[in-house]
């Protein structure tokens, strides 16, 4: 071989070895530095163009605003503040993202394949691609009404309003709320202070009380029990069921009673017992007429055990242990280990209103490009039939009686058929100190044509005396607003 070529080859091999060694050294010992640079460049690029908007109808609830920054040109702002913080979540280069900002990130930051046309023109013009928009199903006026009603109750709580025929969530309010603007600030000190305040607040405003946590449902769980009784045993609203003001489950000395001795007779029709909310009736039915498997199956048919993604994640509801008679008796009046989210309780009411067909809950109406042109519509997906149509009709009959002749009169709306169920749930703190009762109401209303128009669930945390009546009152206000077209 030519000596010159040999020397050239040796030098090339030495240089190649040096390059490999350098690359290896960087990869193993300094990769964090280069990753940091890459991440910084990605962040700078992401914040150099406006992120897409999140909207409730025509109301902007999250948007990017221009700043005076040299590197981070845009930052997130939430014009509606506390009303929608649980829906939008936040977008922060310090703390990441949450809620809708996280769930629909690829649309909002412009990287979604749905925005391929935008991507093409951005490439042609050598521009950074702007983000697309998320239009939610939320009715902004209804959301404000729900939030203000919860605030006026004086306690923490949550409210969900659903269109029974489509699964569209019209309102999903959690109180207390929070404004994500400061946490999303590009100013490090502002963001850090806001983040600390959010996490140090004992009222936990960052917790979405409609989906992120669950509670004992009290007597609203009797709706599930009644569904099981009708579906599995052939009972109707007129079927006679046992009552009385006291009941001891087998192998226990604990007596289950009614809230105000309102069920003294030995028996009532199912409609009467449901309207009066006889604890003794439903505890006894679950021991003597229904099996643990039947109760659990019915609850699961309604959605218990499912983590709904609307696309926001919802904590799965659960029935707890139903194996023992004593457990089952307590569970069937919504105590023991039964835990339920507000969203789940609204879905139960919506399913009954919709003749037994459960629709998947959804928060996204449509996704658009930066110009507002629709690139994808939200779905209207059925989760299947939960109960027979005849069962749903019987349930609507007994739920209507709750509003016309029972404990849920505050939910009535003049001129419309309304049904529902109140609930009062006992609970204690971690030291077994008894706390004021929770209050619940879930229900539905038909429009002037007799079609299911709206379903609702309202929860009031530790409200105390009159809790369920207040929850029913708020529910009636929300249903009336939908029925009368008082939203946007």
Protein backbone atom coordinates (compact mmCIF):
# COMPACT_ATOMS: atom_id res chain seq x y z
CA UNK A 1 0.00 0.00 0.00
CA UNK A 2 1.15 3.53 -0.72
CA UNK A 3 2.77 4.94 2.50
CA UNK A 4 0.87 8.20 2.11
CA UNK A 5 -2.44 6.37 1.87
CA UNK A 6 -1.50 4.23 4.88
CA UNK A 7 -0.77 7.33 6.98
CA UNK A 8 -4.02 8.93 5.85
CA UNK A 9 -5.97 5.81 6.82
CA UNK A 10 -4.34 5.68 10.24
CA UNK A 11 -5.12 9.33 10.86
CA UNK A 12 -8.72 8.77 9.76
CA UNK A 13 -9.05 5.85 12.16
CA UNK A 14 -7.59 7.92 15.00
CA UNK A 15 -10.00 10.75 14.29
CA UNK A 16 -12.93 8.32 14.11
CA UNK A 17 -11.91 6.76 17.43
CA UNK A 18 -11.62 10.23 18.97
CA UNK A 19 -15.06 11.13 17.67
CA UNK A 20 -16.57 7.93 19.09
CA UNK A 21 -14.84 8.53 22.42
CA UNK A 22 -16.09 12.13 22.56
CA UNK A 23 -19.61 11.08 21.65
CA UNK A 24 -19.56 8.35 24.29
CA UNK A 25 -18.21 10.75 26.91
CA UNK A 26 -20.95 13.26 26.18
CA UNK A 27 -23.68 10.63 26.07
CA UNK A 28 -22.75 9.06 29.39
CA UNK A 29 -21.39 11.95 31.42
CA UNK A 30 -22.78 15.20 30.01
CA UNK A 31 -26.09 14.21 28.44
CA UNK A 32 -28.06 16.13 31.09
CA UNK A 33 -26.42 19.37 30.00
CA UNK A 34 -27.31 18.81 26.37
CA UNK A 35 -30.82 17.61 27.24
CA UNK A 36 -31.29 20.79 29.23
CA UNK A 37 -30.21 22.87 26.24
CA UNK A 38 -32.57 20.92 23.98
CA UNK A 39 -35.42 21.27 26.44
CA UNK A 40 -34.76 24.99 26.78
CA UNK A 41 -34.84 25.42 23.02
CA UNK A 42 -38.10 23.46 22.85
CA UNK A 43 -39.64 25.63 25.56
CA UNK A 44 -38.47 28.84 23.90
CA UNK A 45 -39.94 27.64 20.60
CA UNK A 46 -43.22 26.64 22.27
CA UNK A 47 -43.58 29.98 24.02
CA UNK A 48 -42.63 32.00 20.91
CA UNK A 49 -46.07 31.50 19.34
CA UNK A 50 -49.56 31.71 20.85
CA UNK A 51 -50.89 28.46 22.28
CA UNK A 52 -54.47 27.72 21.24
CA UNK A 53 -57.51 28.89 23.15
CA UNK A 54 -59.85 26.88 25.35
CA UNK A 55 -63.44 28.06 25.06
CA UNK A 56 -66.87 27.51 26.59
CA UNK A 57 -69.05 28.32 23.60
CA UNK A 58 -67.86 31.79 22.56
CA UNK A 59 -66.36 32.53 25.97
CA UNK A 60 -62.57 32.32 26.12
CA UNK A 61 -61.50 30.54 29.30
CA UNK A 62 -57.79 30.09 28.46
CA UNK A 63 -55.60 32.01 26.05
CA UNK A 64 -52.03 33.11 25.36
CA UNK A 65 -51.09 36.75 25.80
CA UNK A 66 -47.95 38.49 24.59
CA UNK A 67 -45.33 39.57 27.12
CA UNK A 68 -42.20 41.69 27.05
CA UNK A 69 -39.96 38.66 27.56
CA UNK A 70 -36.94 38.06 25.33
CA UNK A 71 -37.21 34.27 25.35
CA UNK A 72 -40.76 33.43 26.44
CA UNK A 73 -42.87 35.72 24.28
CA UNK A 74 -46.29 34.36 25.32
CA UNK A 75 -47.81 33.20 28.60
CA UNK A 76 -51.16 31.70 29.58
CA UNK A 77 -54.04 33.72 30.96
CA UNK A 78 -57.41 32.53 32.27
CA UNK A 79 -59.92 35.37 31.87
CA UNK A 80 -62.77 33.67 33.75
CA UNK A 81 -60.63 32.87 36.77
CA UNK A 82 -62.11 30.67 39.48
CA UNK A 83 -65.18 29.65 37.48
CA UNK A 84 -63.28 27.41 35.08
CA UNK A 85 -59.97 26.62 36.80
CA UNK A 86 -60.99 22.97 37.39
CA UNK A 87 -61.73 22.59 33.65
CA UNK A 88 -58.79 24.43 32.08
CA UNK A 89 -56.09 23.50 34.58
CA UNK A 90 -52.79 25.33 34.07
CA UNK A 91 -49.88 25.46 31.62
CA UNK A 92 -46.58 26.41 33.23
CA UNK A 93 -42.95 25.94 32.20
CA UNK A 94 -42.19 25.52 35.91
CA UNK A 95 -44.90 23.03 36.87
CA UNK A 96 -46.05 21.42 33.62
CA UNK A 97 -49.75 21.26 32.86
CA UNK A 98 -53.02 19.83 34.14
CA UNK A 99 -56.68 19.24 33.25
CA UNK A 100 -57.64 20.34 29.71
CA UNK A 101 -54.29 22.01 29.14
CA UNK A 102 -52.68 18.60 29.60
CA UNK A 103 -55.35 16.39 28.02
CA UNK A 104 -55.49 18.38 24.76
CA UNK A 105 -51.88 19.54 24.73
CA UNK A 106 -51.10 18.38 21.19
CA UNK A 107 -53.93 20.46 19.72
CA UNK A 108 -53.16 23.48 21.86
CA UNK A 109 -49.42 23.49 21.09
CA UNK A 110 -49.94 22.74 17.40
CA UNK A 111 -48.26 19.33 17.19
CA UNK A 112 -51.42 17.27 16.58
CA UNK A 113 -51.68 15.42 13.27
CA UNK A 114 -55.13 17.03 12.96
CA UNK A 115 -53.30 20.28 12.19
CA UNK A 116 -51.27 18.88 9.28
CA UNK A 117 -52.50 21.60 6.90
CA UNK A 118 -51.34 24.31 9.30
CA UNK A 119 -48.05 22.44 9.61
CA UNK A 120 -47.60 22.49 5.81
CA UNK A 121 -48.11 26.23 5.48
CA UNK A 122 -45.96 26.95 8.53
CA UNK A 123 -43.16 24.97 6.85
CA UNK A 124 -43.63 26.82 3.55
CA UNK A 125 -43.52 30.21 5.28
CA UNK A 126 -40.80 29.05 7.70
CA UNK A 127 -42.99 30.10 10.62
CA UNK A 128 -43.57 28.45 13.97
CA UNK A 129 -46.97 26.75 13.83
CA UNK A 130 -49.65 28.27 16.13
CA UNK A 131 -51.80 26.01 18.24
CA UNK A 132 -55.37 24.95 17.60
CA UNK A 133 -58.36 25.56 19.85
CA UNK A 134 -60.48 23.39 22.14
CA UNK A 135 -64.17 24.29 22.28
CA UNK A 136 -65.75 22.63 25.30
CA UNK A 137 -69.38 21.57 25.79
CA UNK A 138 -69.66 23.83 28.83
CA UNK A 139 -72.35 26.51 28.85
CA UNK A 140 -70.51 29.48 30.35
CA UNK A 141 -73.58 31.08 31.95
CA UNK A 142 -74.69 27.78 33.47
CA UNK A 143 -71.18 27.16 34.81
CA UNK A 144 -71.19 30.57 36.50
CA UNK A 145 -74.64 29.92 37.98
CA UNK A 146 -73.51 26.55 39.35
CA UNK A 147 -70.32 27.97 40.83
CA UNK A 148 -72.07 30.95 42.42
CA UNK A 149 -74.77 28.70 43.92
CA UNK A 150 -72.12 26.47 45.48
CA UNK A 151 -70.31 29.53 46.82
CA UNK A 152 -73.54 30.92 48.29
CA UNK A 153 -74.12 27.64 50.17
CA UNK A 154 -71.13 28.50 52.33
CA UNK A 155 -69.47 25.08 52.02
CA UNK A 156 -67.25 23.22 49.60
CA UNK A 157 -68.97 21.24 46.89
CA UNK A 158 -69.48 20.30 43.28
CA UNK A 159 -72.19 20.36 40.62
CA UNK A 160 -72.47 18.57 37.26
CA UNK A 161 -75.12 19.16 34.59
CA UNK A 162 -75.44 16.76 31.63
CA UNK A 163 -77.50 16.48 28.47
CA UNK A 164 -78.92 12.94 28.96
CA UNK A 165 -79.34 12.25 25.24
CA UNK A 166 -75.77 13.10 24.21
CA UNK A 167 -73.58 12.88 27.33
CA UNK A 168 -72.44 16.47 26.80
CA UNK A 169 -71.42 18.09 30.08
CA UNK A 170 -73.08 21.50 30.27
CA UNK A 171 -71.59 22.53 33.61
CA UNK A 172 -68.96 21.02 35.90
CA UNK A 173 -68.33 23.41 38.77
CA UNK A 174 -66.14 22.86 41.81
CA UNK A 175 -66.03 25.21 44.80
CA UNK A 176 -63.77 26.68 46.01
CA UNK A 177 -62.10 27.27 42.70
CA UNK A 178 -58.85 28.92 41.69
CA UNK A 179 -57.41 31.11 38.98
CA UNK A 180 -54.49 29.36 37.21
CA UNK A 181 -53.08 32.59 35.72
CA UNK A 182 -50.36 33.25 38.31
CA UNK A 183 -49.19 29.62 38.41
CA UNK A 184 -48.85 29.84 34.62
CA UNK A 185 -46.90 33.10 34.76
CA UNK A 186 -43.52 33.30 33.03
CA UNK A 187 -42.24 35.23 36.03
CA UNK A 188 -40.61 32.63 38.26
CA UNK A 189 -41.31 34.43 41.52
CA UNK A 190 -44.97 34.95 40.69
CA UNK A 191 -45.43 31.31 39.67
CA UNK A 192 -43.59 29.96 42.72
CA UNK A 193 -45.59 32.09 45.15
CA UNK A 194 -48.90 31.13 43.52
CA UNK A 195 -47.99 27.43 43.50
CA UNK A 196 -47.10 27.48 47.19
CA UNK A 197 -50.31 29.32 48.07
CA UNK A 198 -52.38 26.81 46.10
CA UNK A 199 -50.82 23.80 47.78
CA UNK A 200 -50.84 25.31 51.28
CA UNK A 201 -54.53 26.27 51.18
CA UNK A 202 -56.44 23.99 53.61
CA UNK A 203 -59.58 24.27 51.45
CA UNK A 204 -57.70 22.61 48.55
CA UNK A 205 -59.10 24.79 45.74
CA UNK A 206 -56.99 22.86 43.24
CA UNK A 207 -59.03 19.69 43.85
CA UNK A 208 -61.90 19.18 41.41
CA UNK A 209 -64.69 17.99 43.70
CA UNK A 210 -66.74 16.69 40.78
CA UNK A 211 -64.24 14.07 39.56
CA UNK A 212 -60.94 13.98 41.49
CA UNK A 213 -62.38 12.69 44.74
CA UNK A 214 -65.45 10.83 45.92
CA UNK A 215 -67.85 10.83 48.87
CA UNK A 216 -70.45 8.59 50.56
CA UNK A 217 -73.59 9.16 48.45
CA UNK A 218 -76.15 8.70 51.19
CA UNK A 219 -79.69 7.99 50.03
CA UNK A 220 -78.97 8.84 46.39
CA UNK A 221 -77.55 5.30 46.21
CA UNK A 222 -81.09 4.05 46.78
CA UNK A 223 -81.65 4.87 43.11
CA UNK A 224 -79.17 2.13 42.19
CA UNK A 225 -80.80 -0.27 44.67
CA UNK A 226 -84.27 0.48 43.27
CA UNK A 227 -82.96 -0.13 39.74
CA UNK A 228 -81.63 -3.53 40.81
CA UNK A 229 -84.88 -4.43 42.55
CA UNK A 230 -87.00 -3.54 39.53
CA UNK A 231 -84.66 -5.04 36.94
CA UNK A 232 -83.87 -8.32 38.72
CA UNK A 233 -87.04 -9.09 40.68
CA UNK A 234 -89.73 -7.55 38.48
CA UNK A 235 -90.87 -5.08 41.14
CA UNK A 236 -92.77 -1.95 40.09
CA UNK A 237 -93.54 1.41 41.66
CA UNK A 238 -96.68 -0.18 43.14
CA UNK A 239 -94.96 -3.21 44.68
CA UNK A 240 -95.38 -3.37 48.45
CA UNK A 241 -92.07 -3.32 50.33
CA UNK A 242 -91.23 -3.61 54.05
CA UNK A 243 -90.68 -0.47 56.12
CA UNK A 244 -90.91 0.47 59.80
CA UNK A 245 -88.67 2.85 61.71
CA UNK A 246 -86.11 0.29 62.82
CA UNK A 247 -84.22 -2.64 61.29
CA UNK A 248 -81.41 -4.85 62.55
CA UNK A 249 -79.43 -6.71 59.90
CA UNK A 250 -78.58 -10.35 60.75
CA UNK A 251 -75.66 -10.88 63.13
CA UNK A 252 -75.50 -7.27 64.26
CA UNK A 253 -76.82 -5.27 67.21
CA UNK A 254 -76.77 -2.01 65.25
CA UNK A 255 -80.27 -0.70 64.48
CA UNK A 256 -80.78 1.12 61.21
CA UNK A 257 -83.32 3.91 61.63
CA UNK A 258 -84.91 6.61 59.49
CA UNK A 259 -83.91 10.24 59.67
CA UNK A 260 -87.15 11.43 61.29
CA UNK A 261 -89.28 8.34 61.96
CA UNK A 262 -91.07 9.10 58.69
CA UNK A 263 -91.78 5.44 57.82
CA UNK A 264 -93.77 3.99 60.75
CA UNK A 265 -95.93 1.60 58.70
CA UNK A 266 -94.88 -2.00 58.28
CA UNK A 267 -94.96 -1.60 54.52
CA UNK A 268 -95.40 0.94 51.73
CA UNK A 269 -95.37 0.86 47.96
CA UNK A 270 -91.87 1.17 46.50
CA UNK A 271 -92.87 4.62 45.25
CA UNK A 272 -93.87 5.74 48.75
CA UNK A 273 -90.80 4.25 50.44
CA UNK A 274 -88.51 5.89 47.88
CA UNK A 275 -90.23 9.28 48.20
CA UNK A 276 -90.06 9.09 52.01
CA UNK A 277 -86.46 7.80 51.79
CA UNK A 278 -87.04 4.90 54.20
CA UNK A 279 -83.61 3.61 55.23
CA UNK A 280 -85.19 0.54 56.76
CA UNK A 281 -86.79 -0.43 53.46
CA UNK A 282 -83.66 -0.34 51.36
CA UNK A 283 -81.41 -1.90 53.98
CA UNK A 284 -83.82 -4.79 54.33
CA UNK A 285 -84.34 -5.22 50.58
CA UNK A 286 -80.60 -5.56 50.07
CA UNK A 287 -80.41 -8.29 52.70
CA UNK A 288 -83.57 -10.21 51.89
CA UNK A 289 -84.32 -9.62 48.20
CA UNK A 290 -81.06 -8.77 46.42
CA UNK A 291 -77.66 -10.43 46.32
CA UNK A 292 -74.30 -8.72 46.61
CA UNK A 293 -73.58 -9.61 42.98
CA UNK A 294 -76.82 -8.04 41.77
CA UNK A 295 -76.17 -4.78 43.59
CA UNK A 296 -72.57 -4.63 42.41
CA UNK A 297 -73.52 -5.51 38.84
CA UNK A 298 -76.15 -2.77 38.69
CA UNK A 299 -73.72 -0.21 40.08
CA UNK A 300 -71.11 -1.24 37.52
CA UNK A 301 -73.68 -1.01 34.72
CA UNK A 302 -74.20 2.61 35.70
CA UNK A 303 -70.43 3.20 35.59
CA UNK A 304 -69.03 2.31 39.02
CA UNK A 305 -65.44 1.16 38.67
CA UNK A 306 -64.84 3.19 35.49
CA UNK A 307 -62.38 6.04 35.22
CA UNK A 308 -64.34 8.28 32.86
CA UNK A 309 -62.13 10.35 30.58
CA UNK A 310 -64.01 13.32 29.25
CA UNK A 311 -61.03 13.72 28.40
CA UNK A 312 -60.40 14.70 32.04
CA UNK A 313 -59.70 11.70 34.27
CA UNK A 314 -62.38 10.85 36.84
CA UNK A 315 -61.72 8.83 39.97
CA UNK A 316 -63.67 5.53 39.75
CA UNK A 317 -66.61 5.18 42.14
CA UNK A 318 -66.94 1.98 44.19
CA UNK A 319 -69.42 -0.01 46.26
CA UNK A 320 -66.92 -1.45 48.74
CA UNK A 321 -67.34 -4.84 50.41
CA UNK A 322 -70.91 -6.17 50.10
CA UNK A 323 -70.23 -9.74 51.19
CA UNK A 324 -71.76 -9.55 54.68
CA UNK A 325 -75.43 -8.81 55.36
CA UNK A 326 -74.54 -6.02 57.78
CA UNK A 327 -72.21 -4.40 55.22
CA UNK A 328 -74.84 -4.65 52.51
CA UNK A 329 -77.56 -3.15 54.68
CA UNK A 330 -75.44 -0.07 55.35
CA UNK A 331 -74.14 0.17 51.77
CA UNK A 332 -77.65 0.21 50.35
CA UNK A 333 -78.45 3.43 52.19
CA UNK A 334 -75.26 4.94 50.78
CA UNK A 335 -73.02 4.46 53.80
CA UNK A 336 -70.45 1.78 54.74
CA UNK A 337 -67.73 1.88 52.04
CA UNK A 338 -69.75 3.19 49.10
CA UNK A 339 -67.88 6.09 47.48
CA UNK A 340 -69.15 8.10 44.54
CA UNK A 341 -68.08 11.08 42.45
CA UNK A 342 -70.47 13.88 41.58
CA UNK A 343 -70.02 13.10 37.88
CA UNK A 344 -71.00 9.46 38.47
CA UNK A 345 -74.13 10.50 40.33
CA UNK A 346 -75.14 12.79 37.46
CA UNK A 347 -74.60 9.93 34.98
CA UNK A 348 -77.01 7.70 36.92
CA UNK A 349 -79.75 10.34 36.71
CA UNK A 350 -79.01 10.99 33.04
CA UNK A 351 -79.21 7.28 32.18
CA UNK A 352 -82.62 6.89 33.81
CA UNK A 353 -83.91 9.99 32.00
CA UNK A 354 -82.56 8.59 28.71
CA UNK A 355 -84.71 5.46 28.96
CA UNK A 356 -81.89 3.32 30.35
CA UNK A 357 -79.17 4.07 27.78
CA UNK A 358 -75.96 5.46 29.27
CA UNK A 359 -74.05 7.97 27.17
CA UNK A 360 -70.33 8.51 27.62
CA UNK A 361 -69.75 11.86 29.37
CA UNK A 362 -67.84 14.36 27.24
CA UNK A 363 -66.38 17.83 27.63
CA UNK A 364 -65.12 18.52 24.10
CA UNK A 365 -67.55 19.90 21.55
CA UNK A 366 -64.96 20.31 18.79
CA UNK A 367 -61.30 20.92 18.02
CA UNK A 368 -60.34 23.67 15.58
CA UNK A 369 -57.26 24.98 13.83
CA UNK A 370 -55.83 28.39 14.68
CA UNK A 371 -58.31 30.06 12.29
CA UNK A 372 -61.26 28.45 14.04
CA UNK A 373 -62.03 25.88 11.37
CA UNK A 374 -63.22 22.56 12.81
CA UNK A 375 -60.76 19.69 12.43
CA UNK A 376 -62.62 17.22 14.64
CA UNK A 377 -66.02 17.09 16.30
CA UNK A 378 -66.60 15.61 19.74
CA UNK A 379 -68.38 12.30 19.78
CA UNK A 380 -71.77 11.26 21.12
CA UNK A 381 -70.95 7.71 22.16
CA UNK A 382 -73.23 5.24 23.87
CA UNK A 383 -71.87 3.11 26.70
CA UNK A 384 -74.74 0.68 26.14
CA UNK A 385 -78.07 -0.08 27.75
CA UNK A 386 -77.90 -0.21 31.53
CA UNK A 387 -81.50 -1.11 32.29
CA UNK A 388 -84.60 -2.06 30.34
CA UNK A 389 -86.85 0.74 29.13
CA UNK A 390 -89.65 -0.47 31.40
CA UNK A 391 -87.28 -0.36 34.39
CA UNK A 392 -86.30 3.19 33.50
CA UNK A 393 -89.97 4.16 33.32
CA UNK A 394 -90.66 2.73 36.78
CA UNK A 395 -87.62 4.55 38.15
CA UNK A 396 -88.80 7.83 36.65
CA UNK A 397 -92.16 7.30 38.35
CA UNK A 398 -90.64 6.86 41.83
CA UNK A 399 -88.13 9.68 41.27
CA UNK A 400 -90.89 12.05 40.21
CA UNK A 401 -92.70 11.22 43.47
CA UNK A 402 -89.63 12.40 45.41
CA UNK A 403 -90.09 15.88 43.91
CA UNK A 404 -93.90 16.05 43.97
CA UNK A 405 -94.60 14.32 47.30
CA UNK A 406 -91.31 13.60 49.03
CA UNK A 407 -87.99 15.01 50.19
CA UNK A 408 -86.97 16.69 46.92
CA UNK A 409 -89.63 19.36 46.55
CA UNK A 410 -87.02 22.13 46.28
CA UNK A 411 -85.95 20.76 42.89
CA UNK A 412 -89.36 21.31 41.28
CA UNK A 413 -89.55 23.50 38.17
CA UNK A 414 -92.96 24.94 37.34
CA UNK A 415 -94.41 23.53 34.15
CA UNK A 416 -91.94 20.65 33.77
CA UNK A 417 -91.71 17.03 34.86
CA UNK A 418 -88.83 16.66 37.31
CA UNK A 419 -87.58 13.60 39.16
CA UNK A 420 -84.71 12.94 41.52
CA UNK A 421 -83.44 11.67 44.84
CA UNK A 422 -82.09 13.48 47.88
CA UNK A 423 -79.24 12.14 49.97
CA UNK A 424 -77.82 12.84 53.40
CA UNK A 425 -74.53 11.14 54.24
CA UNK A 426 -72.93 10.77 57.64
CA UNK A 427 -69.14 10.93 57.82
CA UNK A 428 -66.24 11.44 60.21
CA UNK A 429 -62.73 12.84 60.11
CA UNK A 430 -59.55 10.77 60.38
CA UNK A 431 -59.88 10.76 64.17
CA UNK A 432 -63.49 9.44 64.02
CA UNK A 433 -64.93 12.78 65.07
CA UNK A 434 -68.45 13.09 63.63
CA UNK A 435 -68.73 15.93 61.11
CA UNK A 436 -71.82 17.73 59.77
CA UNK A 437 -73.74 15.72 57.18
CA UNK A 438 -73.03 15.88 53.47
CA UNK A 439 -75.94 16.88 51.24
CA UNK A 440 -76.78 15.41 47.81
CA UNK A 441 -79.36 15.61 45.08
CA UNK A 442 -79.35 13.95 41.69
CA UNK A 443 -82.17 14.16 39.20
CA UNK A 444 -83.48 15.01 35.75
CA UNK A 445 -86.11 17.05 33.95
CA UNK A 446 -88.10 16.58 30.77
CA UNK A 447 -88.72 19.36 28.27
CA UNK A 448 -92.16 20.50 27.08
CA UNK A 449 -92.27 17.62 24.59
CA UNK A 450 -91.61 15.04 27.29
CA UNK A 451 -88.03 14.38 26.11
CA UNK A 452 -85.06 14.15 28.50
CA UNK A 453 -83.54 17.62 28.57
CA UNK A 454 -81.19 17.77 31.53
CA UNK A 455 -79.70 15.72 34.37
CA UNK A 456 -77.89 17.06 37.40
CA UNK A 457 -76.02 16.12 40.55
CA UNK A 458 -75.13 18.53 43.34
CA UNK A 459 -72.95 17.76 46.35
CA UNK A 460 -72.46 19.93 49.45
CA UNK A 461 -69.59 18.95 51.72
CA UNK A 462 -70.37 18.89 55.47
CA UNK A 463 -73.32 21.28 55.13
CA UNK A 464 -75.20 19.91 58.14
CA UNK A 465 -78.92 20.31 58.78
CA UNK A 466 -80.93 20.89 55.61
CA UNK A 467 -78.08 19.72 53.38
CA UNK A 468 -80.11 17.70 50.89
CA UNK A 469 -82.83 20.36 50.67
CA UNK A 470 -80.21 22.94 49.72
CA UNK A 471 -78.68 20.58 47.16
CA UNK A 472 -82.15 20.04 45.68
CA UNK A 473 -82.74 23.79 45.52
CA UNK A 474 -79.49 24.36 43.61
CA UNK A 475 -80.36 21.47 41.29
CA UNK A 476 -83.76 22.98 40.51
CA UNK A 477 -82.15 26.32 39.67
CA UNK A 478 -79.71 24.70 37.26
CA UNK A 479 -82.35 22.55 35.56
CA UNK A 480 -84.66 25.53 35.17
CA UNK A 481 -81.91 27.53 33.48
CA UNK A 482 -81.42 24.77 30.92
CA UNK A 483 -85.16 24.26 30.38
CA UNK A 484 -85.83 27.95 29.94
CA UNK A 485 -82.83 28.40 27.64
CA UNK A 486 -81.10 30.71 30.07
CA UNK A 487 -77.59 29.71 28.99
CA UNK A 488 -75.56 31.16 26.19
